[in-house]
């Protein structure tokens, strides 16, 4: 659910693949009727070594419930299409 919340803001139309999920922590449970809010930090980015038109990005997602309590904290690495470079 936490990844799905971020798609329209971060990866819609550019995601090639989820490469991995790391350090997944669930420090507090979610309950029926809770609202999930997710904030994302870009931890690392680099050019893809195998695809010149792509980059590898590692995100840290922190999910909080309606009270601000952290309910999930994890890192996700993805392969994304790069923005085309305009040549003058």
C-alpha atoms as a PDB file:
ATOM      1  CA  UNK A   1       0.000   0.000   0.000  1.00  0.00           C
ATOM      2  CA  UNK A   2       2.800   2.434   0.873  1.00  0.00           C
ATOM      3  CA  UNK A   3       4.409   1.978  -2.565  1.00  0.00           C
ATOM      4  CA  UNK A   4       1.071   2.414  -4.323  1.00  0.00           C
ATOM      5  CA  UNK A   5       0.452   5.737  -2.572  1.00  0.00           C
ATOM      6  CA  UNK A   6       3.705   7.123  -4.049  1.00  0.00           C
ATOM      7  CA  UNK A   7       3.291   5.979  -7.676  1.00  0.00           C
ATOM      8  CA  UNK A   8       1.534   9.053  -9.077  1.00  0.00           C
ATOM      9  CA  UNK A   9       4.091  11.408  -7.492  1.00  0.00           C
ATOM     10  CA  UNK A  10       7.300   9.461  -8.106  1.00  0.00           C
ATOM     11  CA  UNK A  11       7.302   6.733 -10.740  1.00  0.00           C
ATOM     12  CA  UNK A  12       4.180   6.834 -12.918  1.00  0.00           C
ATOM     13  CA  UNK A  13       5.185   6.452 -16.568  1.00  0.00           C
ATOM     14  CA  UNK A  14       8.890   6.081 -15.786  1.00  0.00           C
ATOM     15  CA  UNK A  15       9.198   2.867 -13.753  1.00  0.00           C
ATOM     16  CA  UNK A  16      10.889  -0.020 -15.557  1.00  0.00           C
ATOM     17  CA  UNK A  17      11.334  -2.356 -12.549  1.00  0.00           C
ATOM     18  CA  UNK A  18      11.384  -2.605  -8.779  1.00  0.00           C
ATOM     19  CA  UNK A  19      14.851  -4.003  -8.095  1.00  0.00           C
ATOM     20  CA  UNK A  20      14.564  -4.634  -4.381  1.00  0.00           C
ATOM     21  CA  UNK A  21      13.170  -3.746  -0.984  1.00  0.00           C
ATOM     22  CA  UNK A  22      15.538  -3.348   1.967  1.00  0.00           C
ATOM     23  CA  UNK A  23      15.320  -2.726   5.708  1.00  0.00           C
ATOM     24  CA  UNK A  24      11.544  -3.161   5.900  1.00  0.00           C
ATOM     25  CA  UNK A  25      10.319  -2.314   9.410  1.00  0.00           C
ATOM     26  CA  UNK A  26       6.770  -2.306  10.804  1.00  0.00           C
ATOM     27  CA  UNK A  27       7.220  -0.539  14.163  1.00  0.00           C
ATOM     28  CA  UNK A  28       3.472  -0.108  14.804  1.00  0.00           C
ATOM     29  CA  UNK A  29       0.397  -1.900  13.431  1.00  0.00           C
ATOM     30  CA  UNK A  30      -2.222  -0.429  11.092  1.00  0.00           C
ATOM     31  CA  UNK A  31      -5.891  -1.060  11.821  1.00  0.00           C
ATOM     32  CA  UNK A  32      -9.058  -1.094   9.740  1.00  0.00           C
ATOM     33  CA  UNK A  33     -10.120   2.534   9.265  1.00  0.00           C
ATOM     34  CA  UNK A  34      -6.600   3.987   9.668  1.00  0.00           C
ATOM     35  CA  UNK A  35      -5.330   6.465   7.083  1.00  0.00           C
ATOM     36  CA  UNK A  36      -1.842   6.000   5.615  1.00  0.00           C
ATOM     37  CA  UNK A  37       0.364   8.982   4.739  1.00  0.00           C
ATOM     38  CA  UNK A  38       3.739   8.365   3.077  1.00  0.00           C
ATOM     39  CA  UNK A  39       6.773  10.625   2.808  1.00  0.00           C
ATOM     40  CA  UNK A  40       9.686   9.747   0.550  1.00  0.00           C
ATOM     41  CA  UNK A  41      13.366  10.661   0.545  1.00  0.00           C
ATOM     42  CA  UNK A  42      15.745   9.965  -2.340  1.00  0.00           C
ATOM     43  CA  UNK A  43      18.665   8.189  -0.682  1.00  0.00           C
ATOM     44  CA  UNK A  44      20.818   7.529  -3.751  1.00  0.00           C
ATOM     45  CA  UNK A  45      20.741   7.860  -7.533  1.00  0.00           C
ATOM     46  CA  UNK A  46      23.066   6.799 -10.306  1.00  0.00           C
ATOM     47  CA  UNK A  47      23.105   6.051 -14.014  1.00  0.00           C
ATOM     48  CA  UNK A  48      22.281   2.486 -15.007  1.00  0.00           C
ATOM     49  CA  UNK A  49      25.399   0.569 -16.047  1.00  0.00           C
ATOM     50  CA  UNK A  50      23.499  -1.551 -18.579  1.00  0.00           C
ATOM     51  CA  UNK A  51      20.891   0.889 -19.959  1.00  0.00           C
ATOM     52  CA  UNK A  52      22.004   4.375 -21.008  1.00  0.00           C
ATOM     53  CA  UNK A  53      18.410   5.662 -21.043  1.00  0.00           C
ATOM     54  CA  UNK A  54      17.760   4.628 -17.415  1.00  0.00           C
ATOM     55  CA  UNK A  55      18.868   5.367 -13.885  1.00  0.00           C
ATOM     56  CA  UNK A  56      18.798   3.502 -10.585  1.00  0.00           C
ATOM     57  CA  UNK A  57      17.208   5.303  -7.632  1.00  0.00           C
ATOM     58  CA  UNK A  58      16.913   4.213  -4.003  1.00  0.00           C
ATOM     59  CA  UNK A  59      14.002   5.680  -2.059  1.00  0.00           C
ATOM     60  CA  UNK A  60      13.281   5.626   1.649  1.00  0.00           C
ATOM     61  CA  UNK A  61       9.545   5.541   2.324  1.00  0.00           C
ATOM     62  CA  UNK A  62       8.157   6.339   5.775  1.00  0.00           C
ATOM     63  CA  UNK A  63       4.472   5.610   6.337  1.00  0.00           C
ATOM     64  CA  UNK A  64       2.529   7.186   9.170  1.00  0.00           C
ATOM     65  CA  UNK A  65      -1.031   6.742  10.360  1.00  0.00           C
ATOM     66  CA  UNK A  66      -3.489   9.578  11.011  1.00  0.00           C
ATOM     67  CA  UNK A  67      -1.883  10.203  14.431  1.00  0.00           C
ATOM     68  CA  UNK A  68       1.613  10.600  12.940  1.00  0.00           C
ATOM     69  CA  UNK A  69       2.808   7.248  14.290  1.00  0.00           C
ATOM     70  CA  UNK A  70       5.308   5.478  12.012  1.00  0.00           C
ATOM     71  CA  UNK A  71       3.732   2.226  10.805  1.00  0.00           C
ATOM     72  CA  UNK A  72       6.233   1.299   8.068  1.00  0.00           C
ATOM     73  CA  UNK A  73       9.785   2.357   7.163  1.00  0.00           C
ATOM     74  CA  UNK A  74      11.619   0.805   4.218  1.00  0.00           C
ATOM     75  CA  UNK A  75      13.963   1.405   1.312  1.00  0.00           C
ATOM     76  CA  UNK A  76      13.167   0.515  -2.279  1.00  0.00           C
ATOM     77  CA  UNK A  77      15.503   0.453  -5.295  1.00  0.00           C
ATOM     78  CA  UNK A  78      14.027   1.028  -8.758  1.00  0.00           C
ATOM     79  CA  UNK A  79      15.084   1.265 -12.393  1.00  0.00           C
ATOM     80  CA  UNK A  80      13.589   4.389 -13.984  1.00  0.00           C
ATOM     81  CA  UNK A  81      13.576   5.904 -17.454  1.00  0.00           C
ATOM     82  CA  UNK A  82      15.606   9.107 -17.654  1.00  0.00           C
ATOM     83  CA  UNK A  83      14.139  12.335 -18.910  1.00  0.00           C
ATOM     84  CA  UNK A  84      15.168  12.936 -22.541  1.00  0.00           C
ATOM     85  CA  UNK A  85      17.976  15.457 -22.934  1.00  0.00           C
ATOM     86  CA  UNK A  86      17.154  18.390 -25.219  1.00  0.00           C
ATOM     87  CA  UNK A  87      19.980  19.090 -27.653  1.00  0.00           C
ATOM     88  CA  UNK A  88      20.425  22.708 -28.762  1.00  0.00           C
END
